Structures are given as structure tokens and as C-alpha cells.
Amino acid sequence: MSIITLLKSSAFMMTLALVVALATNFGGVFPGNVLSADVRSNLTVLTLAVMLTVSLSRIPYQNLNPVKYGRSVARAALLGLVVSSAIPLIGYYLLKDTEFGAQAMGLVFIAATPFAASVGPLSYILNGDMEHAMRGTIIVYVLSLAWIPLVVWATLGEVVDMTNVVITVIELIAIPLLASRLLVKVKMNKDYMAVFLNCCIFLLVWLSVGSTKFAGDAWIFVAFLLIAALRSFGLGCAVETVEKKAGIHWHQRVTDILMTSYKNKGIAIATCMAVLGPTGLAPVAMVAIATSIVVEVLWVAFMDSVLFGRRRMERELAAED
């Protein structure tokens, strides 16, 4: 297997980033004196903004009309924002008044985050509904301009500066959305783009997990692992079961599952660091997000090898035909 092949693999790069970040963290060698909280916050926002600009630029102008494709848009918004946010929010409210309330704040940013922009490319790879994925991505990211501030205000409005929240959302989503429209017709090599995006993910995971303060009782990590597992494995498998019993075909089912279970951790990391950075709570709140990344890596591997495995895919597509 070539180096390029490994660099193109999101699962491999996320796993490698996690291993390096944890080694850096527990080895006590993260350069916090150089990469201060402010520097990490700014670098994270910049990296993610560039990532989203490149990712969203691959979505064409065609078939984006939310009125004409109302059911598709409604499904994407319901699954990608409302349903996918329920479990992290429930977890936050169960923990907010405990001694781990500060750590639980990270769950708010997971809840506020839309699904990953890579849902489109993954839908293509896994024979999902590409039009639904692309259209849903653009519409949900537009809705996120209001959704993220709403969720943060409703949960952390007394703790954070909402002006900073709005500015961060504009930097992370509004500007990349606009900039991406200017790059739609610019040709990009898919392999190089995949390597670039995965390297950005590596940097984001290292910056966040490498600087996270994991001190605390062991049970809180178990709680975050359970919440993350319910949000990814639980919701993903639930959508698979319900839609399959309802007779919904593979193409739509794949994309719906991705929208429900695969959160954009980059946005969660960037908003947490930018919004909670001034309060000094970001490294503590990052515990929930870092724990969720561990589960997300396992979920990606499970989807690739089991849930959407090639043999199962071929069998179900043949049966549907």
C-alpha cells in the first residue's frame, strides 16, 4: 500500500492523528508555550475555514432549490441538525449541574455542529444518494448559521460572549460558503484534495486532543464514551433499522445514516476553542469532543467494513434491482 493511498484514507489519518495527539498529550510534550490557547484557536478556525471552502466547492449549483426538493431538504435538516443533536444535548443537561459541568460543555458544541462536509464524497463511494447528499450539505450549512448560535445561546448563553459566537460562525461557515461558490468550476485533483483535507484533519485533531486536559474521574470518560456511542453507533444503526423496515432503498438509506451519525468534529473543535477560549474553559470542555473523536474513528471503520461493506452493498443493490 502506497503512502498516497494511506494519506487519502480518512479512517487511517484520523486514527493516526488520534494516536499522535494522545502520545503528545500524555507524554507531556505538547508545545503549549508556543501554541498558546489564542494561537490554537486562530489556527484551528483558519484551517477549518480553508477545509470547508475546498470541500463545499465540489458541490455544483444544480439541484439546490429547497422549494423544488422540499422533502429532501426537510429530511436533511431533521436528521442532520435536530435528531443528531438530541443525545449530546440530553447528556449535557444531565451533567451540567454536577462537578463535571465544565467538561460537559463540550457536548453543546457537538450538538450544535452539522454533519461532516465529507458526507457527499462518502455517499458517492458507498453508492448513496449523491444529489440528496450535496443538496442537503449546502442547505444544512446555511441553516447552521442560525442553528449553532441558537443552540449555544440556549445552553451556554450566560457563560459565553454571543457576539464572539456569531463572529466565529461567520468565519467558519458563512465565508467558506460564499468562497466555495467562486471555486465551483475550478478543477481540483481528487487525490491531492483528499490528501490535503486529511492532513488538515490531522492538524485539527492534534491541536485539540494534544492540548486537552484529561484530568478527572474515570467515570466521566465512560459517560462521554457512552454518549458518543449512542450518538454515532446508536443513531446510525437506528436509522438503518427503521428505514430498511420502511422499504427505503440503499441509496437514500446510506446518505441518511451519514447525515445522522457523522458530525463535523472540525467545527465542534473550532467553535469550542474560539468561544470558550477567552473563558479558559476550552481545554476542559475539549474532553467530551476528544472522547467523541475516538468513537467516531471506530464508527467510520465500522461503516466502511460492516454496515456498508462491499458484499452487503452488492447483495442489497442486487435485491433492489
C-alpha atoms as a PDB file:
ATOM      1  CA  MET A   1       0.000   0.000   0.000  1.00  0.00           C
ATOM      2  CA  SER A   2       1.472   3.357  -1.065  1.00  0.00           C
ATOM      3  CA  ILE A   3       1.875   6.404   1.146  1.00  0.00           C
ATOM      4  CA  ILE A   4      -0.585   8.331  -1.043  1.00  0.00           C
ATOM      5  CA  THR A   5      -3.204   5.617  -0.510  1.00  0.00           C
ATOM      6  CA  LEU A   6      -2.784   5.896   3.251  1.00  0.00           C
ATOM      7  CA  LEU A   7      -2.897   9.691   3.162  1.00  0.00           C
ATOM      8  CA  LYS A   8      -6.154   9.527   1.180  1.00  0.00           C
ATOM      9  CA  SER A   9      -7.781   7.291   3.794  1.00  0.00           C
ATOM     10  CA  SER A  10      -9.835   9.345   6.264  1.00  0.00           C
ATOM     11  CA  ALA A  11     -10.062   6.433   8.708  1.00  0.00           C
ATOM     12  CA  PHE A  12      -6.283   5.926   8.693  1.00  0.00           C
ATOM     13  CA  MET A  13      -5.480   9.629   9.054  1.00  0.00           C
ATOM     14  CA  MET A  14      -7.994  10.130  11.877  1.00  0.00           C
ATOM     15  CA  THR A  15      -6.612   7.101  13.697  1.00  0.00           C
ATOM     16  CA  LEU A  16      -3.001   8.242  13.219  1.00  0.00           C
ATOM     17  CA  ALA A  17      -3.879  11.771  14.341  1.00  0.00           C
ATOM     18  CA  LEU A  18      -5.549  10.429  17.457  1.00  0.00           C
ATOM     19  CA  VAL A  19      -2.597   8.197  18.348  1.00  0.00           C
ATOM     20  CA  VAL A  20      -0.066  11.025  17.825  1.00  0.00           C
ATOM     21  CA  ALA A  21      -2.231  13.528  19.740  1.00  0.00           C
ATOM     22  CA  LEU A  22      -2.672  11.204  22.728  1.00  0.00           C
ATOM     23  CA  ALA A  23       1.046  10.373  22.755  1.00  0.00           C
ATOM     24  CA  THR A  24       1.863  14.084  22.657  1.00  0.00           C
ATOM     25  CA  ASN A  25      -0.643  14.819  25.410  1.00  0.00           C
ATOM     26  CA  PHE A  26       0.209  12.070  27.879  1.00  0.00           C
ATOM     27  CA  GLY A  27       3.901  12.360  27.063  1.00  0.00           C
ATOM     28  CA  GLY A  28       3.761  15.976  28.211  1.00  0.00           C
ATOM     29  CA  VAL A  29       5.454  17.252  25.042  1.00  0.00           C
ATOM     30  CA  PHE A  30       2.655  19.360  23.547  1.00  0.00           C
ATOM     31  CA  PRO A  31       4.269  22.791  22.890  1.00  0.00           C
ATOM     32  CA  GLY A  32       1.718  24.810  24.841  1.00  0.00           C
ATOM     33  CA  ASN A  33       4.163  27.652  25.371  1.00  0.00           C
ATOM     34  CA  VAL A  34       4.382  28.171  21.605  1.00  0.00           C
ATOM     35  CA  LEU A  35       0.880  27.092  20.646  1.00  0.00           C
ATOM     36  CA  SER A  36      -0.988  29.098  23.257  1.00  0.00           C
ATOM     37  CA  ALA A  37      -4.786  28.982  23.530  1.00  0.00           C
ATOM     38  CA  ASP A  38      -5.156  32.069  21.307  1.00  0.00           C
ATOM     39  CA  VAL A  39      -2.766  30.712  18.676  1.00  0.00           C
ATOM     40  CA  ARG A  40      -4.524  27.314  18.679  1.00  0.00           C
ATOM     41  CA  SER A  41      -7.907  28.980  18.360  1.00  0.00           C
ATOM     42  CA  ASN A  42      -6.883  31.165  15.417  1.00  0.00           C
ATOM     43  CA  LEU A  43      -5.037  28.333  13.667  1.00  0.00           C
ATOM     44  CA  THR A  44      -7.999  25.996  14.139  1.00  0.00           C
ATOM     45  CA  VAL A  45     -10.514  28.489  12.728  1.00  0.00           C
ATOM     46  CA  LEU A  46      -8.270  29.271   9.742  1.00  0.00           C
ATOM     47  CA  THR A  47      -7.587  25.600   8.957  1.00  0.00           C
ATOM     48  CA  LEU A  48     -11.239  24.637   9.173  1.00  0.00           C
ATOM     49  CA  ALA A  49     -12.362  27.615   7.066  1.00  0.00           C
ATOM     50  CA  VAL A  50      -9.969  26.576   4.298  1.00  0.00           C
ATOM     51  CA  MET A  51     -11.093  22.944   4.589  1.00  0.00           C
ATOM     52  CA  LEU A  52     -14.763  23.830   4.294  1.00  0.00           C
ATOM     53  CA  THR A  53     -14.145  26.174   1.376  1.00  0.00           C
ATOM     54  CA  VAL A  54     -12.426  23.387  -0.558  1.00  0.00           C
ATOM     55  CA  SER A  55     -14.961  20.718   0.436  1.00  0.00           C
ATOM     56  CA  LEU A  56     -18.064  22.781  -0.313  1.00  0.00           C
ATOM     57  CA  SER A  57     -16.623  23.987  -3.627  1.00  0.00           C
ATOM     58  CA  ARG A  58     -17.106  20.475  -5.030  1.00  0.00           C
ATOM     59  CA  ILE A  59     -20.881  20.855  -4.713  1.00  0.00           C
ATOM     60  CA  PRO A  60     -22.316  22.177  -8.009  1.00  0.00           C
ATOM     61  CA  TYR A  61     -25.078  24.736  -8.413  1.00  0.00           C
ATOM     62  CA  GLN A  62     -27.538  22.234  -9.865  1.00  0.00           C
ATOM     63  CA  ASN A  63     -30.467  20.792  -7.888  1.00  0.00           C
ATOM     64  CA  LEU A  64     -30.078  23.069  -4.856  1.00  0.00           C
ATOM     65  CA  ASN A  65     -33.593  24.556  -4.966  1.00  0.00           C
ATOM     66  CA  PRO A  66     -35.036  23.949  -1.444  1.00  0.00           C
ATOM     67  CA  VAL A  67     -38.623  24.503  -2.661  1.00  0.00           C
ATOM     68  CA  LYS A  68     -38.446  22.034  -5.531  1.00  0.00           C
ATOM     69  CA  TYR A  69     -36.752  19.420  -3.348  1.00  0.00           C
ATOM     70  CA  GLY A  70     -38.590  20.182  -0.123  1.00  0.00           C
ATOM     71  CA  ARG A  71     -38.773  16.620   1.199  1.00  0.00           C
ATOM     72  CA  SER A  72     -35.063  16.028   0.668  1.00  0.00           C
ATOM     73  CA  VAL A  73     -34.163  19.314   2.371  1.00  0.00           C
ATOM     74  CA  ALA A  74     -36.527  18.675   5.287  1.00  0.00           C
ATOM     75  CA  ARG A  75     -35.076  15.187   5.795  1.00  0.00           C
ATOM     76  CA  ALA A  76     -31.517  16.524   5.766  1.00  0.00           C
ATOM     77  CA  ALA A  77     -32.340  19.291   8.265  1.00  0.00           C
ATOM     78  CA  LEU A  78     -34.305  16.980  10.563  1.00  0.00           C
ATOM     79  CA  LEU A  79     -31.705  14.205  10.627  1.00  0.00           C
ATOM     80  CA  GLY A  80     -28.563  16.331  10.314  1.00  0.00           C
ATOM     81  CA  LEU A  81     -29.447  19.001  12.869  1.00  0.00           C
ATOM     82  CA  VAL A  82     -32.348  18.029  15.137  1.00  0.00           C
ATOM     83  CA  VAL A  83     -32.106  14.241  15.546  1.00  0.00           C
ATOM     84  CA  SER A  84     -28.300  14.164  15.575  1.00  0.00           C
ATOM     85  CA  SER A  85     -28.188  16.822  18.311  1.00  0.00           C
ATOM     86  CA  ALA A  86     -30.633  15.236  20.737  1.00  0.00           C
ATOM     87  CA  ILE A  87     -28.311  12.807  22.545  1.00  0.00           C
ATOM     88  CA  PRO A  88     -25.417  15.276  23.166  1.00  0.00           C
ATOM     89  CA  LEU A  89     -27.907  17.853  24.493  1.00  0.00           C
ATOM     90  CA  ILE A  90     -29.551  15.312  26.794  1.00  0.00           C
ATOM     91  CA  GLY A  91     -26.085  14.344  28.039  1.00  0.00           C
ATOM     92  CA  TYR A  92     -25.209  17.987  28.686  1.00  0.00           C
ATOM     93  CA  TYR A  93     -28.348  18.664  30.719  1.00  0.00           C
ATOM     94  CA  LEU A  94     -27.807  15.507  32.776  1.00  0.00           C
ATOM     95  CA  LEU A  95     -24.246  16.599  33.641  1.00  0.00           C
ATOM     96  CA  LYS A  96     -24.397  20.415  33.696  1.00  0.00           C
ATOM     97  CA  ASP A  97     -25.198  20.727  37.395  1.00  0.00           C
ATOM     98  CA  THR A  98     -22.613  18.176  38.501  1.00  0.00           C
ATOM     99  CA  GLU A  99     -18.935  18.738  39.243  1.00  0.00           C
ATOM    100  CA  PHE A 100     -18.279  17.860  35.599  1.00  0.00           C
ATOM    101  CA  GLY A 101     -20.417  20.645  34.197  1.00  0.00           C
ATOM    102  CA  ALA A 102     -17.457  22.426  32.605  1.00  0.00           C
ATOM    103  CA  GLN A 103     -16.356  19.267  30.791  1.00  0.00           C
ATOM    104  CA  ALA A 104     -19.927  18.648  29.665  1.00  0.00           C
ATOM    105  CA  MET A 105     -19.923  21.990  27.822  1.00  0.00           C
ATOM    106  CA  GLY A 106     -18.096  20.232  25.010  1.00  0.00           C
ATOM    107  CA  LEU A 107     -21.296  18.271  24.325  1.00  0.00           C
ATOM    108  CA  VAL A 108     -23.033  21.534  23.394  1.00  0.00           C
ATOM    109  CA  PHE A 109     -20.595  22.141  20.532  1.00  0.00           C
ATOM    110  CA  ILE A 110     -21.040  18.566  19.306  1.00  0.00           C
ATOM    111  CA  ALA A 111     -24.811  19.117  19.335  1.00  0.00           C
ATOM    112  CA  ALA A 112     -24.561  22.450  17.516  1.00  0.00           C
ATOM    113  CA  THR A 113     -22.354  21.051  14.764  1.00  0.00           C
ATOM    114  CA  PRO A 114     -23.847  19.982  11.395  1.00  0.00           C
ATOM    115  CA  PHE A 115     -22.850  16.745   9.727  1.00  0.00           C
ATOM    116  CA  ALA A 116     -19.443  16.495   8.058  1.00  0.00           C
ATOM    117  CA  ALA A 117     -18.986  18.042   4.626  1.00  0.00           C
ATOM    118  CA  SER A 118     -17.496  14.694   3.558  1.00  0.00           C
ATOM    119  CA  VAL A 119     -20.989  13.148   3.609  1.00  0.00           C
ATOM    120  CA  GLY A 120     -21.112  13.939  -0.124  1.00  0.00           C
ATOM    121  CA  PRO A 121     -17.902  12.126  -1.110  1.00  0.00           C
ATOM    122  CA  LEU A 122     -18.715   9.234   1.240  1.00  0.00           C
ATOM    123  CA  SER A 123     -22.175   8.914  -0.326  1.00  0.00           C
ATOM    124  CA  TYR A 124     -20.507   8.636  -3.714  1.00  0.00           C
ATOM    125  CA  ILE A 125     -18.101   5.935  -2.503  1.00  0.00           C
ATOM    126  CA  LEU A 126     -20.853   3.956  -0.759  1.00  0.00           C
ATOM    127  CA  ASN A 127     -23.461   4.208  -3.538  1.00  0.00           C
ATOM    128  CA  GLY A 128     -25.579   6.674  -1.604  1.00  0.00           C
ATOM    129  CA  ASP A 129     -27.880   9.386  -2.955  1.00  0.00           C
ATOM    130  CA  MET A 130     -25.354  11.954  -4.196  1.00  0.00           C
ATOM    131  CA  GLU A 131     -27.891  14.636  -5.130  1.00  0.00           C
ATOM    132  CA  HIS A 132     -29.552  14.385  -1.719  1.00  0.00           C
ATOM    133  CA  ALA A 133     -26.138  14.486  -0.008  1.00  0.00           C
ATOM    134  CA  MET A 134     -24.851  17.510  -1.918  1.00  0.00           C
ATOM    135  CA  ARG A 135     -28.098  19.466  -1.682  1.00  0.00           C
ATOM    136  CA  GLY A 136     -28.504  18.598   1.994  1.00  0.00           C
ATOM    137  CA  THR A 137     -24.950  19.684   2.790  1.00  0.00           C
ATOM    138  CA  ILE A 138     -25.378  23.170   1.340  1.00  0.00           C
ATOM    139  CA  ILE A 139     -28.823  23.724   2.883  1.00  0.00           C
ATOM    140  CA  VAL A 140     -27.851  22.388   6.326  1.00  0.00           C
ATOM    141  CA  TYR A 141     -24.709  24.525   6.410  1.00  0.00           C
ATOM    142  CA  VAL A 142     -26.787  27.592   5.557  1.00  0.00           C
ATOM    143  CA  LEU A 143     -29.212  26.692   8.353  1.00  0.00           C
ATOM    144  CA  SER A 144     -26.245  26.223  10.685  1.00  0.00           C
ATOM    145  CA  LEU A 145     -25.625  29.963  10.526  1.00  0.00           C
ATOM    146  CA  ALA A 146     -28.657  30.254  12.808  1.00  0.00           C
ATOM    147  CA  TRP A 147     -28.639  26.767  14.384  1.00  0.00           C
ATOM    148  CA  ILE A 148     -25.204  26.996  16.013  1.00  0.00           C
ATOM    149  CA  PRO A 149     -25.800  30.365  17.747  1.00  0.00           C
ATOM    150  CA  LEU A 150     -29.282  29.187  18.802  1.00  0.00           C
ATOM    151  CA  VAL A 151     -28.001  26.014  20.463  1.00  0.00           C
ATOM    152  CA  VAL A 152     -25.088  27.806  22.163  1.00  0.00           C
ATOM    153  CA  TRP A 153     -27.329  30.660  23.346  1.00  0.00           C
ATOM    154  CA  ALA A 154     -29.975  28.273  24.726  1.00  0.00           C
ATOM    155  CA  THR A 155     -27.402  26.262  26.687  1.00  0.00           C
ATOM    156  CA  LEU A 156     -24.377  28.471  27.391  1.00  0.00           C
ATOM    157  CA  GLY A 157     -25.770  31.962  26.828  1.00  0.00           C
ATOM    158  CA  GLU A 158     -24.865  33.083  30.354  1.00  0.00           C
ATOM    159  CA  VAL A 159     -21.288  31.813  30.099  1.00  0.00           C
ATOM    160  CA  VAL A 160     -20.089  32.891  26.668  1.00  0.00           C
ATOM    161  CA  ASP A 161     -19.989  36.087  24.621  1.00  0.00           C
ATOM    162  CA  MET A 162     -22.673  35.609  21.976  1.00  0.00           C
ATOM    163  CA  THR A 163     -21.077  38.255  19.761  1.00  0.00           C
ATOM    164  CA  ASN A 164     -17.985  36.060  19.633  1.00  0.00           C
ATOM    165  CA  VAL A 165     -20.200  33.073  18.773  1.00  0.00           C
ATOM    166  CA  VAL A 166     -21.762  34.882  15.807  1.00  0.00           C
ATOM    167  CA  ILE A 167     -18.372  36.109  14.558  1.00  0.00           C
ATOM    168  CA  THR A 168     -16.946  32.585  14.814  1.00  0.00           C
ATOM    169  CA  VAL A 169     -19.882  31.136  12.857  1.00  0.00           C
ATOM    170  CA  ILE A 170     -19.428  33.759  10.148  1.00  0.00           C
ATOM    171  CA  GLU A 171     -15.718  32.938   9.911  1.00  0.00           C
ATOM    172  CA  LEU A 172     -16.252  29.170   9.949  1.00  0.00           C
ATOM    173  CA  ILE A 173     -19.325  28.774   7.755  1.00  0.00           C
ATOM    174  CA  ALA A 174     -20.592  31.960   6.068  1.00  0.00           C
ATOM    175  CA  ILE A 175     -17.284  32.954   4.469  1.00  0.00           C
ATOM    176  CA  PRO A 176     -16.425  29.386   3.293  1.00  0.00           C
ATOM    177  CA  LEU A 177     -19.941  29.025   1.843  1.00  0.00           C
ATOM    178  CA  LEU A 178     -19.532  32.205  -0.198  1.00  0.00           C
ATOM    179  CA  ALA A 179     -15.911  31.496  -1.153  1.00  0.00           C
ATOM    180  CA  SER A 180     -16.770  27.947  -2.215  1.00  0.00           C
ATOM    181  CA  ARG A 181     -19.228  29.254  -4.822  1.00  0.00           C
ATOM    182  CA  LEU A 182     -16.339  31.066  -6.503  1.00  0.00           C
ATOM    183  CA  LEU A 183     -14.355  27.828  -6.797  1.00  0.00           C
ATOM    184  CA  VAL A 184     -17.107  25.527  -8.083  1.00  0.00           C
ATOM    185  CA  LYS A 185     -15.755  25.477 -11.641  1.00  0.00           C
ATOM    186  CA  VAL A 186     -12.089  25.261 -10.613  1.00  0.00           C
ATOM    187  CA  LYS A 187     -10.760  21.781 -11.354  1.00  0.00           C
ATOM    188  CA  MET A 188      -9.020  20.002  -8.491  1.00  0.00           C
ATOM    189  CA  ASN A 189      -7.265  16.657  -8.496  1.00  0.00           C
ATOM    190  CA  LYS A 190      -9.357  14.379  -6.257  1.00  0.00           C
ATOM    191  CA  ASP A 191      -6.382  12.509  -4.841  1.00  0.00           C
ATOM    192  CA  TYR A 192      -4.469  15.666  -3.922  1.00  0.00           C
ATOM    193  CA  MET A 193      -7.605  17.217  -2.462  1.00  0.00           C
ATOM    194  CA  ALA A 194      -8.244  14.142  -0.300  1.00  0.00           C
ATOM    195  CA  VAL A 195      -4.651  14.194   0.970  1.00  0.00           C
ATOM    196  CA  PHE A 196      -4.869  17.931   1.714  1.00  0.00           C
ATOM    197  CA  LEU A 197      -8.162  17.615   3.602  1.00  0.00           C
ATOM    198  CA  ASN A 198      -6.927  14.617   5.616  1.00  0.00           C
ATOM    199  CA  CYS A 199      -3.762  16.494   6.566  1.00  0.00           C
ATOM    200  CA  CYS A 200      -5.943  19.362   7.765  1.00  0.00           C
ATOM    201  CA  ILE A 201      -7.960  16.897   9.844  1.00  0.00           C
ATOM    202  CA  PHE A 202      -4.720  15.531  11.282  1.00  0.00           C
ATOM    203  CA  LEU A 203      -3.669  19.049  12.331  1.00  0.00           C
ATOM    204  CA  LEU A 204      -7.063  19.831  13.890  1.00  0.00           C
ATOM    205  CA  VAL A 205      -7.144  16.614  15.911  1.00  0.00           C
ATOM    206  CA  TRP A 206      -3.568  17.096  17.096  1.00  0.00           C
ATOM    207  CA  LEU A 207      -4.151  20.721  18.116  1.00  0.00           C
ATOM    208  CA  SER A 208      -7.296  19.871  20.044  1.00  0.00           C
ATOM    209  CA  VAL A 209      -6.670  16.446  21.577  1.00  0.00           C
ATOM    210  CA  GLY A 210      -2.996  17.144  22.169  1.00  0.00           C
ATOM    211  CA  SER A 211      -3.844  20.114  24.398  1.00  0.00           C
ATOM    212  CA  THR A 212      -6.914  18.650  26.129  1.00  0.00           C
ATOM    213  CA  LYS A 213      -6.851  18.368  29.918  1.00  0.00           C
ATOM    214  CA  PHE A 214      -7.914  14.785  30.592  1.00  0.00           C
ATOM    215  CA  ALA A 215      -7.674  15.047  34.379  1.00  0.00           C
ATOM    216  CA  GLY A 216     -10.739  13.840  36.257  1.00  0.00           C
ATOM    217  CA  ASP A 217     -12.610  10.789  37.482  1.00  0.00           C
ATOM    218  CA  ALA A 218     -12.599   7.826  35.142  1.00  0.00           C
ATOM    219  CA  TRP A 219     -16.373   7.541  35.100  1.00  0.00           C
ATOM    220  CA  ILE A 220     -16.812  10.843  33.249  1.00  0.00           C
ATOM    221  CA  PHE A 221     -14.827   9.415  30.332  1.00  0.00           C
ATOM    222  CA  VAL A 222     -17.091   6.376  30.396  1.00  0.00           C
ATOM    223  CA  ALA A 223     -20.101   8.712  30.343  1.00  0.00           C
ATOM    224  CA  PHE A 224     -18.725  10.637  27.342  1.00  0.00           C
ATOM    225  CA  LEU A 225     -17.893   7.372  25.563  1.00  0.00           C
ATOM    226  CA  LEU A 226     -21.448   6.143  26.123  1.00  0.00           C
ATOM    227  CA  ILE A 227     -22.951   9.408  24.869  1.00  0.00           C
ATOM    228  CA  ALA A 228     -20.709   9.350  21.788  1.00  0.00           C
ATOM    229  CA  ALA A 229     -21.522   5.692  21.098  1.00  0.00           C
ATOM    230  CA  LEU A 230     -25.264   6.335  21.355  1.00  0.00           C
ATOM    231  CA  ARG A 231     -24.943   9.360  19.065  1.00  0.00           C
ATOM    232  CA  SER A 232     -22.967   7.579  16.335  1.00  0.00           C
ATOM    233  CA  PHE A 233     -23.498   3.813  16.585  1.00  0.00           C
ATOM    234  CA  GLY A 234     -26.929   4.068  18.247  1.00  0.00           C
ATOM    235  CA  LEU A 235     -28.495   6.664  15.955  1.00  0.00           C
ATOM    236  CA  GLY A 236     -26.792   5.302  12.844  1.00  0.00           C
ATOM    237  CA  CYS A 237     -27.989   1.752  13.403  1.00  0.00           C
ATOM    238  CA  ALA A 238     -31.449   3.009  14.432  1.00  0.00           C
ATOM    239  CA  VAL A 239     -31.866   4.911  11.152  1.00  0.00           C
ATOM    240  CA  GLU A 240     -30.637   1.837   9.258  1.00  0.00           C
ATOM    241  CA  THR A 241     -33.185  -0.410  11.001  1.00  0.00           C
ATOM    242  CA  VAL A 242     -36.156   1.952  10.716  1.00  0.00           C
ATOM    243  CA  GLU A 243     -35.578   2.904   7.081  1.00  0.00           C
ATOM    244  CA  LYS A 244     -34.851  -0.648   5.969  1.00  0.00           C
ATOM    245  CA  LYS A 245     -38.089  -1.888   7.560  1.00  0.00           C
ATOM    246  CA  ALA A 246     -39.881   1.006   5.837  1.00  0.00           C
ATOM    247  CA  GLY A 247     -38.581  -0.253   2.488  1.00  0.00           C
ATOM    248  CA  ILE A 248     -36.304   2.726   1.832  1.00  0.00           C
ATOM    249  CA  HIS A 249     -33.646   1.755  -0.688  1.00  0.00           C
ATOM    250  CA  TRP A 250     -29.908   1.596  -0.125  1.00  0.00           C
ATOM    251  CA  HIS A 251     -29.053   4.893  -1.855  1.00  0.00           C
ATOM    252  CA  GLN A 252     -31.185   7.089   0.399  1.00  0.00           C
ATOM    253  CA  ARG A 253     -30.525   4.996   3.496  1.00  0.00           C
ATOM    254  CA  VAL A 254     -26.752   5.367   3.226  1.00  0.00           C
ATOM    255  CA  THR A 255     -26.896   9.145   2.966  1.00  0.00           C
ATOM    256  CA  ASP A 256     -29.484   9.491   5.744  1.00  0.00           C
ATOM    257  CA  ILE A 257     -27.325   7.414   8.083  1.00  0.00           C
ATOM    258  CA  LEU A 258     -24.256   9.514   7.309  1.00  0.00           C
ATOM    259  CA  MET A 259     -26.198  12.746   7.905  1.00  0.00           C
ATOM    260  CA  THR A 260     -27.466  11.499  11.254  1.00  0.00           C
ATOM    261  CA  SER A 261     -24.331   9.921  12.674  1.00  0.00           C
ATOM    262  CA  TYR A 262     -21.263  11.618  11.177  1.00  0.00           C
ATOM    263  CA  LYS A 263     -20.764  15.021  12.833  1.00  0.00           C
ATOM    264  CA  ASN A 264     -18.275  17.644  11.656  1.00  0.00           C
ATOM    265  CA  LYS A 265     -15.817  17.435  14.540  1.00  0.00           C
ATOM    266  CA  GLY A 266     -13.708  20.190  12.994  1.00  0.00           C
ATOM    267  CA  ILE A 267     -16.490  22.713  13.547  1.00  0.00           C
ATOM    268  CA  ALA A 268     -17.055  21.402  17.078  1.00  0.00           C
ATOM    269  CA  ILE A 269     -13.342  21.797  17.843  1.00  0.00           C
ATOM    270  CA  ALA A 270     -13.076  25.257  16.283  1.00  0.00           C
ATOM    271  CA  THR A 271     -16.202  26.703  17.886  1.00  0.00           C
ATOM    272  CA  CYS A 272     -15.288  25.273  21.295  1.00  0.00           C
ATOM    273  CA  MET A 273     -11.769  26.703  21.181  1.00  0.00           C
ATOM    274  CA  ALA A 274     -12.853  30.067  19.784  1.00  0.00           C
ATOM    275  CA  VAL A 275     -15.897  30.565  22.016  1.00  0.00           C
ATOM    276  CA  LEU A 276     -14.631  29.089  25.295  1.00  0.00           C
ATOM    277  CA  GLY A 277     -11.010  30.145  24.768  1.00  0.00           C
ATOM    278  CA  PRO A 278     -11.486  33.567  26.433  1.00  0.00           C
ATOM    279  CA  THR A 279     -13.126  31.899  29.454  1.00  0.00           C
ATOM    280  CA  GLY A 280     -10.243  29.457  29.948  1.00  0.00           C
ATOM    281  CA  LEU A 281     -12.658  26.515  29.770  1.00  0.00           C
ATOM    282  CA  ALA A 282     -11.790  25.297  26.269  1.00  0.00           C
ATOM    283  CA  PRO A 283      -9.125  22.696  27.261  1.00  0.00           C
ATOM    284  CA  VAL A 284     -11.532  21.213  29.817  1.00  0.00           C
ATOM    285  CA  ALA A 285     -14.573  21.236  27.520  1.00  0.00           C
ATOM    286  CA  MET A 286     -12.498  19.584  24.800  1.00  0.00           C
ATOM    287  CA  VAL A 287     -12.587  16.324  26.803  1.00  0.00           C
ATOM    288  CA  ALA A 288     -16.066  15.480  25.511  1.00  0.00           C
ATOM    289  CA  ILE A 289     -15.107  16.296  21.918  1.00  0.00           C
ATOM    290  CA  ALA A 290     -11.818  14.381  22.094  1.00  0.00           C
ATOM    291  CA  THR A 291     -13.638  11.352  23.511  1.00  0.00           C
ATOM    292  CA  SER A 292     -16.213  11.625  20.737  1.00  0.00           C
ATOM    293  CA  ILE A 293     -13.433  11.610  18.127  1.00  0.00           C
ATOM    294  CA  VAL A 294     -12.241   8.235  19.458  1.00  0.00           C
ATOM    295  CA  VAL A 295     -15.723   6.781  18.947  1.00  0.00           C
ATOM    296  CA  GLU A 296     -16.071   8.480  15.550  1.00  0.00           C
ATOM    297  CA  VAL A 297     -12.925   6.737  14.299  1.00  0.00           C
ATOM    298  CA  LEU A 298     -14.401   3.390  15.346  1.00  0.00           C
ATOM    299  CA  TRP A 299     -17.734   4.292  13.728  1.00  0.00           C
ATOM    300  CA  VAL A 300     -16.082   5.185  10.404  1.00  0.00           C
ATOM    301  CA  ALA A 301     -14.244   1.843  10.437  1.00  0.00           C
ATOM    302  CA  PHE A 302     -17.497   0.004  11.290  1.00  0.00           C
ATOM    303  CA  MET A 303     -19.432   1.714   8.491  1.00  0.00           C
ATOM    304  CA  ASP A 304     -16.706   1.001   5.969  1.00  0.00           C
ATOM    305  CA  SER A 305     -16.204  -2.660   6.846  1.00  0.00           C
ATOM    306  CA  VAL A 306     -19.572  -3.852   8.212  1.00  0.00           C
ATOM    307  CA  LEU A 307     -22.592  -1.583   7.830  1.00  0.00           C
ATOM    308  CA  PHE A 308     -21.719  -0.503   4.290  1.00  0.00           C
ATOM    309  CA  GLY A 309     -19.378  -3.384   3.463  1.00  0.00           C
ATOM    310  CA  ARG A 310     -18.946  -4.188  -0.229  1.00  0.00           C
ATOM    311  CA  ARG A 311     -20.517  -7.660  -0.052  1.00  0.00           C
ATOM    312  CA  ARG A 312     -23.563  -6.307   1.764  1.00  0.00           C
ATOM    313  CA  MET A 313     -23.785  -3.407  -0.661  1.00  0.00           C
ATOM    314  CA  GLU A 314     -23.697  -5.681  -3.709  1.00  0.00           C
ATOM    315  CA  ARG A 315     -26.241  -8.072  -2.173  1.00  0.00           C
ATOM    316  CA  GLU A 316     -28.743  -5.335  -1.278  1.00  0.00           C
ATOM    317  CA  LEU A 317     -28.389  -3.442  -4.560  1.00  0.00           C
ATOM    318  CA  ALA A 318     -28.900  -6.673  -6.497  1.00  0.00           C
ATOM    319  CA  ALA A 319     -32.024  -7.452  -4.434  1.00  0.00           C
ATOM    320  CA  GLU A 320     -33.428  -3.951  -5.038  1.00  0.00           C
ATOM    321  CA  ASP A 321     -32.868  -4.264  -8.794  1.00  0.00           C
END
